[in-house]
Amino acid sequence: MDRKQVEKDLKFLKNDKKVLAVLLFGSQVTGKTHERSDTDICIVAPDTKPIKIMRKVWRRLKTEKYDIHTFEEFSLKMKNQVMKDHEIIRCEDEQELEEYFYRYRKIWNDQAIARGVT
């Protein structure tokens, strides 16, 4: 994975004020890549319906090398994985991103306590 190429390909999201962050996650971050690995991208856009962001992505990005999702469409388990293991490709306000993630970390931790898994 060429990080500069990823940044270039996703540059069209840079000026979108509804996008809080663009994150790299998955095997490219954990180092568990293989010859068929793709590049997993997570777009964090708290105040926008996921379909609106994805339509923009589908119109602008004509490549099969990325697996792109919005954070908001993920299950809580997947959100937790992204929050734990990611690299920031673009984020205008990292503190705001952490505050946004805090809510989901709290829910995850509360559920773990309720299940007796700590």
Protein backbone atom coordinates (compact mmCIF):
# COMPACT_ATOMS: atom_id res chain seq x y z
CA MET A 1 0.00 0.00 0.00
CA ASP A 2 1.33 3.38 -1.00
CA ARG A 3 0.05 5.89 1.56
CA LYS A 4 0.66 8.84 -0.76
CA GLN A 5 -1.50 7.18 -3.41
CA VAL A 6 -4.28 6.60 -0.86
CA GLU A 7 -4.13 10.27 0.16
CA LYS A 8 -4.22 11.33 -3.50
CA ASP A 9 -7.13 9.03 -4.35
CA LEU A 10 -9.18 10.29 -1.40
CA LYS A 11 -8.23 13.95 -1.77
CA PHE A 12 -11.77 14.80 -2.91
CA LEU A 13 -12.93 14.24 0.70
CA LYS A 14 -10.50 16.82 2.06
CA ASN A 15 -12.80 19.81 1.69
CA ASP A 16 -15.95 18.02 2.83
CA LYS A 17 -16.76 19.66 6.17
CA LYS A 18 -19.09 16.77 7.08
CA VAL A 19 -16.18 14.33 7.07
CA LEU A 20 -14.47 14.39 10.44
CA ALA A 21 -11.80 11.84 9.55
CA VAL A 22 -10.59 9.32 7.00
CA LEU A 23 -8.92 6.31 8.60
CA LEU A 24 -6.93 3.35 7.37
CA PHE A 25 -7.70 0.13 9.25
CA GLY A 26 -7.52 -3.63 8.87
CA SER A 27 -4.61 -5.71 7.65
CA GLN A 28 -2.68 -2.72 6.29
CA VAL A 29 -2.48 -1.36 9.85
CA THR A 30 -2.08 -4.62 11.77
CA GLY A 31 0.60 -5.87 9.37
CA LYS A 32 -1.28 -9.07 8.52
CA THR A 33 -1.40 -8.49 4.77
CA HIS A 34 -1.22 -11.10 2.05
CA GLU A 35 -1.22 -10.97 -1.75
CA ARG A 36 -5.02 -10.56 -1.91
CA SER A 37 -5.24 -7.87 0.77
CA ASP A 38 -7.16 -4.75 -0.10
CA THR A 39 -6.95 -1.36 1.59
CA ASP A 40 -9.66 -0.81 4.20
CA ILE A 41 -10.80 2.78 4.60
CA CYS A 42 -13.21 4.15 7.21
CA ILE A 43 -14.85 7.53 6.73
CA VAL A 44 -16.06 9.16 9.95
CA ALA A 45 -18.94 11.54 9.25
CA PRO A 46 -21.10 11.82 12.39
CA ASP A 47 -23.74 14.20 11.07
CA THR A 48 -24.29 12.68 7.64
CA LYS A 49 -26.20 9.64 6.48
CA PRO A 50 -23.73 6.96 5.36
CA ILE A 51 -25.39 6.64 1.95
CA LYS A 52 -24.70 10.30 1.15
CA ILE A 53 -20.98 9.89 1.80
CA MET A 54 -20.82 6.58 -0.04
CA ARG A 55 -22.55 7.99 -3.12
CA LYS A 56 -19.88 10.66 -3.28
CA VAL A 57 -17.18 7.99 -2.97
CA TRP A 58 -18.76 5.76 -5.63
CA ARG A 59 -19.00 8.66 -8.08
CA ARG A 60 -15.41 9.80 -7.61
CA LEU A 61 -13.43 6.65 -6.92
CA LYS A 62 -13.29 4.08 -9.69
CA THR A 63 -11.08 1.44 -8.17
CA GLU A 64 -11.42 -2.01 -6.70
CA LYS A 65 -8.34 -1.71 -4.51
CA TYR A 66 -10.21 -0.03 -1.65
CA ASP A 67 -12.85 -1.39 0.69
CA ILE A 68 -14.52 1.79 1.94
CA HIS A 69 -17.09 2.07 4.72
CA THR A 70 -18.47 4.72 7.00
CA PHE A 71 -17.86 4.37 10.71
CA GLU A 72 -21.53 4.96 11.38
CA GLU A 73 -22.64 1.88 9.41
CA PHE A 74 -20.40 -0.52 11.37
CA SER A 75 -21.54 -2.79 14.17
CA LEU A 76 -20.29 -1.90 17.63
CA LYS A 77 -17.72 -4.71 17.44
CA MET A 78 -16.35 -3.37 14.16
CA LYS A 79 -16.35 0.19 15.51
CA ASN A 80 -14.26 -1.03 18.43
CA GLN A 81 -11.75 -2.66 16.06
CA VAL A 82 -11.42 0.53 14.03
CA MET A 83 -11.02 2.65 17.18
CA LYS A 84 -8.27 0.33 18.48
CA ASP A 85 -6.31 -0.19 15.27
CA HIS A 86 -6.27 2.66 12.78
CA GLU A 87 -4.01 5.19 11.15
CA ILE A 88 -5.27 8.65 10.37
CA ILE A 89 -5.16 9.55 6.70
CA ARG A 90 -6.97 12.82 7.25
CA CYS A 91 -8.45 14.45 10.34
CA GLU A 92 -9.05 18.15 10.85
CA ASP A 93 -9.59 17.85 14.62
CA GLU A 94 -8.17 14.81 16.41
CA GLN A 95 -9.64 15.90 19.74
CA GLU A 96 -13.12 15.99 18.22
CA LEU A 97 -12.52 12.53 16.74
CA GLU A 98 -11.51 11.17 20.16
CA GLU A 99 -14.56 12.75 21.76
CA TYR A 100 -16.76 11.15 19.13
CA PHE A 101 -15.11 7.76 19.70
CA TYR A 102 -15.50 8.12 23.49
CA ARG A 103 -19.25 7.45 23.30
CA TYR A 104 -18.71 4.16 21.48
CA ARG A 105 -15.83 3.11 23.74
CA LYS A 106 -18.10 3.69 26.75
CA ILE A 107 -20.89 1.58 25.24
CA TRP A 108 -18.39 -1.18 24.38
CA ASN A 109 -16.89 -1.16 27.89
CA ASP A 110 -20.31 -1.07 29.55
CA GLN A 111 -21.41 -4.09 27.52
CA ALA A 112 -18.21 -5.94 28.40
CA ILE A 113 -18.85 -5.32 32.10
CA ALA A 114 -22.47 -6.45 31.75
CA ARG A 115 -21.31 -9.68 30.07
CA GLY A 116 -18.66 -10.21 32.72
CA VAL A 117 -15.84 -9.79 30.21
CA THR A 118 -13.27 -7.33 31.51
